[in-house]
Each structure stands twice: as structure tokens, then as C-alpha cells.
Amino acid sequence: MVLWEHPAERYIALFSLVLIAVSLSVIAFKRLTEPSPLILQMPPQPTQTKKPTQPSLKVHVKGAVQKPGVYALPYGSRVQDALKSAGVKPDADMDALNLADFLEDGQEIIVPSKRRQTALPNPSSLVLALPSNIAAARNEPRAKASPEVVHLNTATEADLVQLPGIGPVLAKRILEYRRQVGGFKRIEQLLEVKGIGPKTMERIRPHVRL
């Protein structure tokens, strides 16, 4: 059997092939001439990061300083940092403070002065004691003088022993307790010191401050 025996069939087949070729050419030309889609890409926006604010504590510095007042310092600061901010006077008694102590929020730092006027006895009140009086005076226990106000967070051992009922042993325990807790927040914390009971607390309460 011979394909396309009639001429008409050959012309139809040839026309179909030409039509298919033209169609493919048109499709290929459209794909080549069509513009590629434009994709707009926005540049990344820079993110603004806020610097974290460091928490701070506030302390009140007064006494023998050049600029007494309230200062804000970062947590972990020490007494020495607060004194640098306030500026100490030339007559400040730096030995009376522990410069390495950590600061607490709301703490009060009082810088004492070296110019402490000690009250001298009035010469007119001096009485010459006879030998018998001297012996009697030695046998009598010496009473403590009425103490001034003692600040628990800055007091030294010498300041604490002036309090009624507080001797060198209890004074050292108070200083050790203050070092462990980082300073007194309440006067009633003295009851947590070994050896200080309610009776002793009532005797020293009028003479202590934070």
C-alpha cells in the first residue's frame, strides 16, 4: 500500500506540516520577545536595637564630702565608688569606713571628719584624790558614757562598744553580720545577731540609726 496515492492527499499533508511549523515558530518568537517579569525586591530595613539600660541603685552620701547628695550607681558598686562621685574633703576620716563594702539601694553613707572635738574636762572640776580615794576608784567599775547616735552601716567597732550592753565581742559580731548581709535595712535586724536579745535591743534602740 502506497501512502498519499492521490495528489490532493499529499497537498493536505504538506499544508498541515507547514501550518504546524509556522505555529511553533510564532510561539517561539513570542516567548523570545516577551519581557521577563520585573521582580522588585525591597532592601532589608536595618533593625534598631536599643541598648539595654543597666539597673542602678541610689545612695545618700553626706558628711565630710564636697558634694553631698543622692547618687545613682550601678549594682555591684562599692563605697569607694560613691565617695569618688561625691568627692571627699581633705579632713575626711577614710579609715573609719570600709571602702570595699558593696553598696545597697537606699543606703546612707556618712563620711566622718578627723576634726572631732573631744570634750576636755573642766580644770575647775578636777579634784585631787587622796590615796584612799584612788584605791576606791579603782575598785569601782567604770560606767559607760552616754553614747551619741551610732549609724549601724558605717559604725566602727569603737563606735559600737559605746552602746549600752555592747562589748567588743558583740561589736565584732555586729560588724560580721553587716558584712554578710551587705548592710542593715532595719534596726530590728540586730536581734539576728547572736547575743543580742529584746532587753539589749530596747537599751540601744534610742542610740542607733541606719
C-alpha atoms as a PDB file:
ATOM      1  CA  MET A   1       0.000   0.000   0.000  1.00  0.00           C
ATOM      2  CA  VAL A   2       1.404   3.417  -1.046  1.00  0.00           C
ATOM      3  CA  LEU A   3       0.661   6.474   1.173  1.00  0.00           C
ATOM      4  CA  TRP A   4      -0.865   9.504  -0.419  1.00  0.00           C
ATOM      5  CA  GLU A   5      -1.797   7.818  -3.704  1.00  0.00           C
ATOM      6  CA  HIS A   6      -3.797  10.879  -4.704  1.00  0.00           C
ATOM      7  CA  PRO A   7      -2.110  14.303  -5.170  1.00  0.00           C
ATOM      8  CA  ALA A   8      -4.778  16.012  -3.049  1.00  0.00           C
ATOM      9  CA  GLU A   9      -3.833  13.972  -0.015  1.00  0.00           C
ATOM     10  CA  ARG A  10      -0.188  14.954  -0.405  1.00  0.00           C
ATOM     11  CA  TYR A  11      -1.033  18.615  -0.605  1.00  0.00           C
ATOM     12  CA  ILE A  12      -3.187  18.405   2.512  1.00  0.00           C
ATOM     13  CA  ALA A  13      -0.426  16.620   4.480  1.00  0.00           C
ATOM     14  CA  LEU A  14       2.184  19.125   3.288  1.00  0.00           C
ATOM     15  CA  PHE A  15      -0.080  22.058   4.208  1.00  0.00           C
ATOM     16  CA  SER A  16      -0.622  20.589   7.688  1.00  0.00           C
ATOM     17  CA  LEU A  17       3.122  20.260   8.270  1.00  0.00           C
ATOM     18  CA  VAL A  18       3.718  23.850   7.123  1.00  0.00           C
ATOM     19  CA  LEU A  19       0.917  25.098   9.374  1.00  0.00           C
ATOM     20  CA  ILE A  20       2.365  23.262  12.393  1.00  0.00           C
ATOM     21  CA  ALA A  21       5.854  24.651  11.684  1.00  0.00           C
ATOM     22  CA  VAL A  22       4.526  28.210  11.388  1.00  0.00           C
ATOM     23  CA  SER A  23       2.587  27.868  14.630  1.00  0.00           C
ATOM     24  CA  LEU A  24       5.650  26.634  16.500  1.00  0.00           C
ATOM     25  CA  SER A  25       7.720  29.469  15.075  1.00  0.00           C
ATOM     26  CA  VAL A  26       5.154  32.082  16.207  1.00  0.00           C
ATOM     27  CA  ILE A  27       5.027  30.630  19.702  1.00  0.00           C
ATOM     28  CA  ALA A  28       8.836  30.580  19.949  1.00  0.00           C
ATOM     29  CA  PHE A  29       9.069  34.180  18.689  1.00  0.00           C
ATOM     30  CA  LYS A  30       6.537  35.411  21.271  1.00  0.00           C
ATOM     31  CA  ARG A  31       8.471  33.758  24.074  1.00  0.00           C
ATOM     32  CA  LEU A  32      11.694  35.385  22.933  1.00  0.00           C
ATOM     33  CA  THR A  33      10.222  38.856  22.526  1.00  0.00           C
ATOM     34  CA  GLU A  34       8.126  38.968  25.704  1.00  0.00           C
ATOM     35  CA  PRO A  35       9.909  40.935  28.509  1.00  0.00           C
ATOM     36  CA  SER A  36      10.767  38.964  31.607  1.00  0.00           C
ATOM     37  CA  PRO A  37       8.684  39.911  34.640  1.00  0.00           C
ATOM     38  CA  LEU A  38      10.347  42.537  36.829  1.00  0.00           C
ATOM     39  CA  ILE A  39      10.611  41.496  40.445  1.00  0.00           C
ATOM     40  CA  LEU A  40      11.160  44.357  42.841  1.00  0.00           C
ATOM     41  CA  GLN A  41      12.973  43.457  45.995  1.00  0.00           C
ATOM     42  CA  MET A  42      12.955  45.949  48.831  1.00  0.00           C
ATOM     43  CA  PRO A  43      16.262  46.354  50.639  1.00  0.00           C
ATOM     44  CA  PRO A  44      16.224  44.988  54.185  1.00  0.00           C
ATOM     45  CA  GLN A  45      15.425  47.630  56.754  1.00  0.00           C
ATOM     46  CA  PRO A  46      18.095  47.998  59.414  1.00  0.00           C
ATOM     47  CA  THR A  47      16.794  46.945  62.781  1.00  0.00           C
ATOM     48  CA  GLN A  48      17.410  49.403  65.545  1.00  0.00           C
ATOM     49  CA  THR A  49      18.493  47.673  68.691  1.00  0.00           C
ATOM     50  CA  LYS A  50      18.074  49.552  71.899  1.00  0.00           C
ATOM     51  CA  LYS A  51      20.951  49.416  74.269  1.00  0.00           C
ATOM     52  CA  PRO A  52      19.903  47.670  77.440  1.00  0.00           C
ATOM     53  CA  THR A  53      19.795  50.040  80.361  1.00  0.00           C
ATOM     54  CA  GLN A  54      21.889  48.936  83.284  1.00  0.00           C
ATOM     55  CA  PRO A  55      19.939  48.867  86.542  1.00  0.00           C
ATOM     56  CA  SER A  56      21.222  51.290  89.131  1.00  0.00           C
ATOM     57  CA  LEU A  57      20.901  51.852  92.853  1.00  0.00           C
ATOM     58  CA  LYS A  58      20.724  55.127  94.768  1.00  0.00           C
ATOM     59  CA  VAL A  59      22.759  56.019  97.836  1.00  0.00           C
ATOM     60  CA  HIS A  60      22.868  59.137 100.017  1.00  0.00           C
ATOM     61  CA  VAL A  61      26.383  60.428 100.670  1.00  0.00           C
ATOM     62  CA  LYS A  62      26.915  63.126 103.273  1.00  0.00           C
ATOM     63  CA  GLY A  63      29.349  64.271 105.902  1.00  0.00           C
ATOM     64  CA  ALA A  64      32.902  65.326 105.043  1.00  0.00           C
ATOM     65  CA  VAL A  65      32.307  65.344 101.266  1.00  0.00           C
ATOM     66  CA  GLN A  66      32.438  68.159  98.741  1.00  0.00           C
ATOM     67  CA  LYS A  67      29.131  67.384  97.033  1.00  0.00           C
ATOM     68  CA  PRO A  68      26.709  65.707  99.447  1.00  0.00           C
ATOM     69  CA  GLY A  69      23.565  64.293  97.894  1.00  0.00           C
ATOM     70  CA  VAL A  70      21.911  61.263  96.312  1.00  0.00           C
ATOM     71  CA  TYR A  71      23.897  59.410  93.646  1.00  0.00           C
ATOM     72  CA  ALA A  72      22.809  56.702  91.202  1.00  0.00           C
ATOM     73  CA  LEU A  73      25.410  53.974  90.737  1.00  0.00           C
ATOM     74  CA  PRO A  74      25.276  50.575  89.020  1.00  0.00           C
ATOM     75  CA  TYR A  75      24.662  47.490  91.095  1.00  0.00           C
ATOM     76  CA  GLY A  76      27.893  45.944  92.301  1.00  0.00           C
ATOM     77  CA  SER A  77      29.444  49.321  93.144  1.00  0.00           C
ATOM     78  CA  ARG A  78      31.344  49.790  96.373  1.00  0.00           C
ATOM     79  CA  VAL A  79      31.660  52.541  98.956  1.00  0.00           C
ATOM     80  CA  GLN A  80      34.783  53.802  97.214  1.00  0.00           C
ATOM     81  CA  ASP A  81      32.793  54.443  94.009  1.00  0.00           C
ATOM     82  CA  ALA A  82      30.224  56.541  95.872  1.00  0.00           C
ATOM     83  CA  LEU A  83      32.959  58.631  97.509  1.00  0.00           C
ATOM     84  CA  LYS A  84      34.567  59.268  94.119  1.00  0.00           C
ATOM     85  CA  SER A  85      31.272  60.701  92.865  1.00  0.00           C
ATOM     86  CA  ALA A  86      30.763  62.912  95.920  1.00  0.00           C
ATOM     87  CA  GLY A  87      34.402  63.916  96.377  1.00  0.00           C
ATOM     88  CA  VAL A  88      35.883  63.706  99.862  1.00  0.00           C
ATOM     89  CA  LYS A  89      37.221  66.674 101.792  1.00  0.00           C
ATOM     90  CA  PRO A  90      40.853  66.814 102.951  1.00  0.00           C
ATOM     91  CA  ASP A  91      39.811  66.299 106.576  1.00  0.00           C
ATOM     92  CA  ALA A  92      37.697  63.185 105.829  1.00  0.00           C
ATOM     93  CA  ASP A  93      38.487  60.221 108.053  1.00  0.00           C
ATOM     94  CA  MET A  94      38.731  57.483 105.417  1.00  0.00           C
ATOM     95  CA  ASP A  95      39.971  54.918 107.945  1.00  0.00           C
ATOM     96  CA  ALA A  96      36.545  54.960 109.617  1.00  0.00           C
ATOM     97  CA  LEU A  97      34.881  53.452 106.518  1.00  0.00           C
ATOM     98  CA  ASN A  98      35.234  50.140 104.734  1.00  0.00           C
ATOM     99  CA  LEU A  99      35.828  51.301 101.167  1.00  0.00           C
ATOM    100  CA  ALA A 100      35.421  47.754  99.813  1.00  0.00           C
ATOM    101  CA  ASP A 101      31.860  47.303 101.123  1.00  0.00           C
ATOM    102  CA  PHE A 102      29.183  46.714  98.461  1.00  0.00           C
ATOM    103  CA  LEU A 103      26.504  49.384  98.185  1.00  0.00           C
ATOM    104  CA  GLU A 104      22.809  48.715  98.775  1.00  0.00           C
ATOM    105  CA  ASP A 105      19.851  50.617  97.328  1.00  0.00           C
ATOM    106  CA  GLY A 106      18.780  53.354  99.748  1.00  0.00           C
ATOM    107  CA  GLN A 107      21.970  53.135 101.787  1.00  0.00           C
ATOM    108  CA  GLU A 108      23.199  56.200 103.680  1.00  0.00           C
ATOM    109  CA  ILE A 109      26.958  56.802 103.787  1.00  0.00           C
ATOM    110  CA  ILE A 110      28.209  59.287 106.369  1.00  0.00           C
ATOM    111  CA  VAL A 111      31.855  60.283 106.000  1.00  0.00           C
ATOM    112  CA  PRO A 112      33.201  61.356 109.396  1.00  0.00           C
ATOM    113  CA  SER A 113      35.690  64.185 109.822  1.00  0.00           C
ATOM    114  CA  LYS A 114      39.055  63.939 111.561  1.00  0.00           C
ATOM    115  CA  ARG A 115      38.332  67.188 113.342  1.00  0.00           C
ATOM    116  CA  ARG A 116      36.293  65.639 116.077  1.00  0.00           C
ATOM    117  CA  GLN A 117      36.352  67.901 119.067  1.00  0.00           C
ATOM    118  CA  THR A 118      36.780  65.843 122.166  1.00  0.00           C
ATOM    119  CA  ALA A 119      35.310  67.409 125.253  1.00  0.00           C
ATOM    120  CA  LEU A 120      38.053  68.116 127.754  1.00  0.00           C
ATOM    121  CA  PRO A 121      37.287  68.094 131.462  1.00  0.00           C
ATOM    122  CA  ASN A 122      36.880  71.445 133.108  1.00  0.00           C
ATOM    123  CA  PRO A 123      40.061  72.156 135.106  1.00  0.00           C
ATOM    124  CA  SER A 124      37.985  73.665 137.878  1.00  0.00           C
ATOM    125  CA  SER A 125      36.162  70.350 138.331  1.00  0.00           C
ATOM    126  CA  LEU A 126      39.332  68.336 138.884  1.00  0.00           C
ATOM    127  CA  VAL A 127      39.681  67.088 142.446  1.00  0.00           C
ATOM    128  CA  LEU A 128      42.924  65.807 143.855  1.00  0.00           C
ATOM    129  CA  ALA A 129      42.224  62.326 145.103  1.00  0.00           C
ATOM    130  CA  LEU A 130      43.838  61.031 148.217  1.00  0.00           C
ATOM    131  CA  PRO A 131      45.465  57.577 148.082  1.00  0.00           C
ATOM    132  CA  SER A 132      42.404  56.044 149.745  1.00  0.00           C
ATOM    133  CA  ASN A 133      40.104  57.616 147.170  1.00  0.00           C
ATOM    134  CA  ILE A 134      42.299  56.357 144.357  1.00  0.00           C
ATOM    135  CA  ALA A 135      42.094  52.791 145.663  1.00  0.00           C
ATOM    136  CA  ALA A 136      38.326  53.053 145.991  1.00  0.00           C
ATOM    137  CA  ALA A 137      38.024  54.450 142.483  1.00  0.00           C
ATOM    138  CA  ARG A 138      39.996  51.528 141.058  1.00  0.00           C
ATOM    139  CA  ASN A 139      37.632  49.026 142.690  1.00  0.00           C
ATOM    140  CA  GLU A 140      34.517  50.702 141.282  1.00  0.00           C
ATOM    141  CA  PRO A 141      33.503  49.684 137.760  1.00  0.00           C
ATOM    142  CA  ARG A 142      33.767  52.422 135.185  1.00  0.00           C
ATOM    143  CA  ALA A 143      30.372  53.328 133.732  1.00  0.00           C
ATOM    144  CA  LYS A 144      29.959  53.936 130.012  1.00  0.00           C
ATOM    145  CA  ALA A 145      29.391  57.481 128.913  1.00  0.00           C
ATOM    146  CA  SER A 146      26.086  58.211 127.255  1.00  0.00           C
ATOM    147  CA  PRO A 147      26.725  57.359 123.577  1.00  0.00           C
ATOM    148  CA  GLU A 148      25.892  59.607 120.682  1.00  0.00           C
ATOM    149  CA  VAL A 149      23.829  58.364 117.747  1.00  0.00           C
ATOM    150  CA  VAL A 150      25.607  55.455 116.063  1.00  0.00           C
ATOM    151  CA  HIS A 151      24.895  54.612 112.411  1.00  0.00           C
ATOM    152  CA  LEU A 152      24.883  50.842 112.016  1.00  0.00           C
ATOM    153  CA  ASN A 153      26.001  50.786 108.363  1.00  0.00           C
ATOM    154  CA  THR A 154      29.085  52.983 108.933  1.00  0.00           C
ATOM    155  CA  ALA A 155      29.949  52.407 112.594  1.00  0.00           C
ATOM    156  CA  THR A 156      33.311  51.001 113.608  1.00  0.00           C
ATOM    157  CA  GLU A 157      33.989  48.632 116.481  1.00  0.00           C
ATOM    158  CA  ALA A 158      34.978  51.610 118.634  1.00  0.00           C
ATOM    159  CA  ASP A 159      31.621  53.266 117.900  1.00  0.00           C
ATOM    160  CA  LEU A 160      29.603  50.131 118.687  1.00  0.00           C
ATOM    161  CA  VAL A 161      31.213  49.449 122.062  1.00  0.00           C
ATOM    162  CA  GLN A 162      29.862  52.810 123.249  1.00  0.00           C
ATOM    163  CA  LEU A 163      26.334  51.423 123.089  1.00  0.00           C
ATOM    164  CA  PRO A 164      24.862  50.147 126.359  1.00  0.00           C
ATOM    165  CA  GLY A 165      25.204  46.397 126.709  1.00  0.00           C
ATOM    166  CA  ILE A 166      27.579  46.082 123.716  1.00  0.00           C
ATOM    167  CA  GLY A 167      31.125  44.914 124.373  1.00  0.00           C
ATOM    168  CA  PRO A 168      33.983  44.098 121.984  1.00  0.00           C
ATOM    169  CA  VAL A 169      32.624  40.589 121.300  1.00  0.00           C
ATOM    170  CA  LEU A 170      29.139  41.764 120.327  1.00  0.00           C
ATOM    171  CA  ALA A 171      30.606  44.672 118.355  1.00  0.00           C
ATOM    172  CA  LYS A 172      32.632  42.241 116.228  1.00  0.00           C
ATOM    173  CA  ARG A 173      29.531  40.082 115.704  1.00  0.00           C
ATOM    174  CA  ILE A 174      27.562  43.117 114.523  1.00  0.00           C
ATOM    175  CA  LEU A 175      30.306  44.034 112.037  1.00  0.00           C
ATOM    176  CA  GLU A 176      30.485  40.447 110.768  1.00  0.00           C
ATOM    177  CA  TYR A 177      26.697  40.287 110.367  1.00  0.00           C
ATOM    178  CA  ARG A 178      26.734  43.610 108.469  1.00  0.00           C
ATOM    179  CA  ARG A 179      29.406  42.272 106.134  1.00  0.00           C
ATOM    180  CA  GLN A 180      27.448  39.073 105.449  1.00  0.00           C
ATOM    181  CA  VAL A 181      24.076  40.725 104.698  1.00  0.00           C
ATOM    182  CA  GLY A 182      25.549  43.759 102.931  1.00  0.00           C
ATOM    183  CA  GLY A 183      24.252  46.358 105.365  1.00  0.00           C
ATOM    184  CA  PHE A 184      21.305  46.863 107.706  1.00  0.00           C
ATOM    185  CA  LYS A 185      17.895  47.577 106.211  1.00  0.00           C
ATOM    186  CA  ARG A 186      16.085  47.700 109.574  1.00  0.00           C
ATOM    187  CA  ILE A 187      17.272  48.346 113.101  1.00  0.00           C
ATOM    188  CA  GLU A 188      15.370  45.226 114.216  1.00  0.00           C
ATOM    189  CA  GLN A 189      17.938  43.114 112.342  1.00  0.00           C
ATOM    190  CA  LEU A 190      20.158  43.482 115.398  1.00  0.00           C
ATOM    191  CA  LEU A 191      18.039  40.775 117.022  1.00  0.00           C
ATOM    192  CA  GLU A 192      19.503  38.344 114.470  1.00  0.00           C
ATOM    193  CA  VAL A 193      22.988  38.910 115.902  1.00  0.00           C
ATOM    194  CA  LYS A 194      23.894  36.211 118.398  1.00  0.00           C
ATOM    195  CA  GLY A 195      23.933  37.595 121.927  1.00  0.00           C
ATOM    196  CA  ILE A 196      21.511  40.488 121.380  1.00  0.00           C
ATOM    197  CA  GLY A 197      18.124  39.892 122.971  1.00  0.00           C
ATOM    198  CA  PRO A 198      14.984  42.010 123.340  1.00  0.00           C
ATOM    199  CA  LYS A 199      16.252  43.685 126.529  1.00  0.00           C
ATOM    200  CA  THR A 200      19.558  44.721 124.990  1.00  0.00           C
ATOM    201  CA  MET A 201      17.694  45.827 121.876  1.00  0.00           C
ATOM    202  CA  GLU A 202      15.482  48.196 123.873  1.00  0.00           C
ATOM    203  CA  ARG A 203      18.526  49.696 125.614  1.00  0.00           C
ATOM    204  CA  ILE A 204      20.397  50.505 122.401  1.00  0.00           C
ATOM    205  CA  ARG A 205      17.412  51.389 120.181  1.00  0.00           C
ATOM    206  CA  PRO A 206      17.397  55.125 121.114  1.00  0.00           C
ATOM    207  CA  HIS A 207      21.079  55.399 120.194  1.00  0.00           C
ATOM    208  CA  VAL A 208      21.228  53.679 116.762  1.00  0.00           C
ATOM    209  CA  ARG A 209      20.241  54.723 113.269  1.00  0.00           C
ATOM    210  CA  LEU A 210      20.681  53.182 109.820  1.00  0.00           C
END
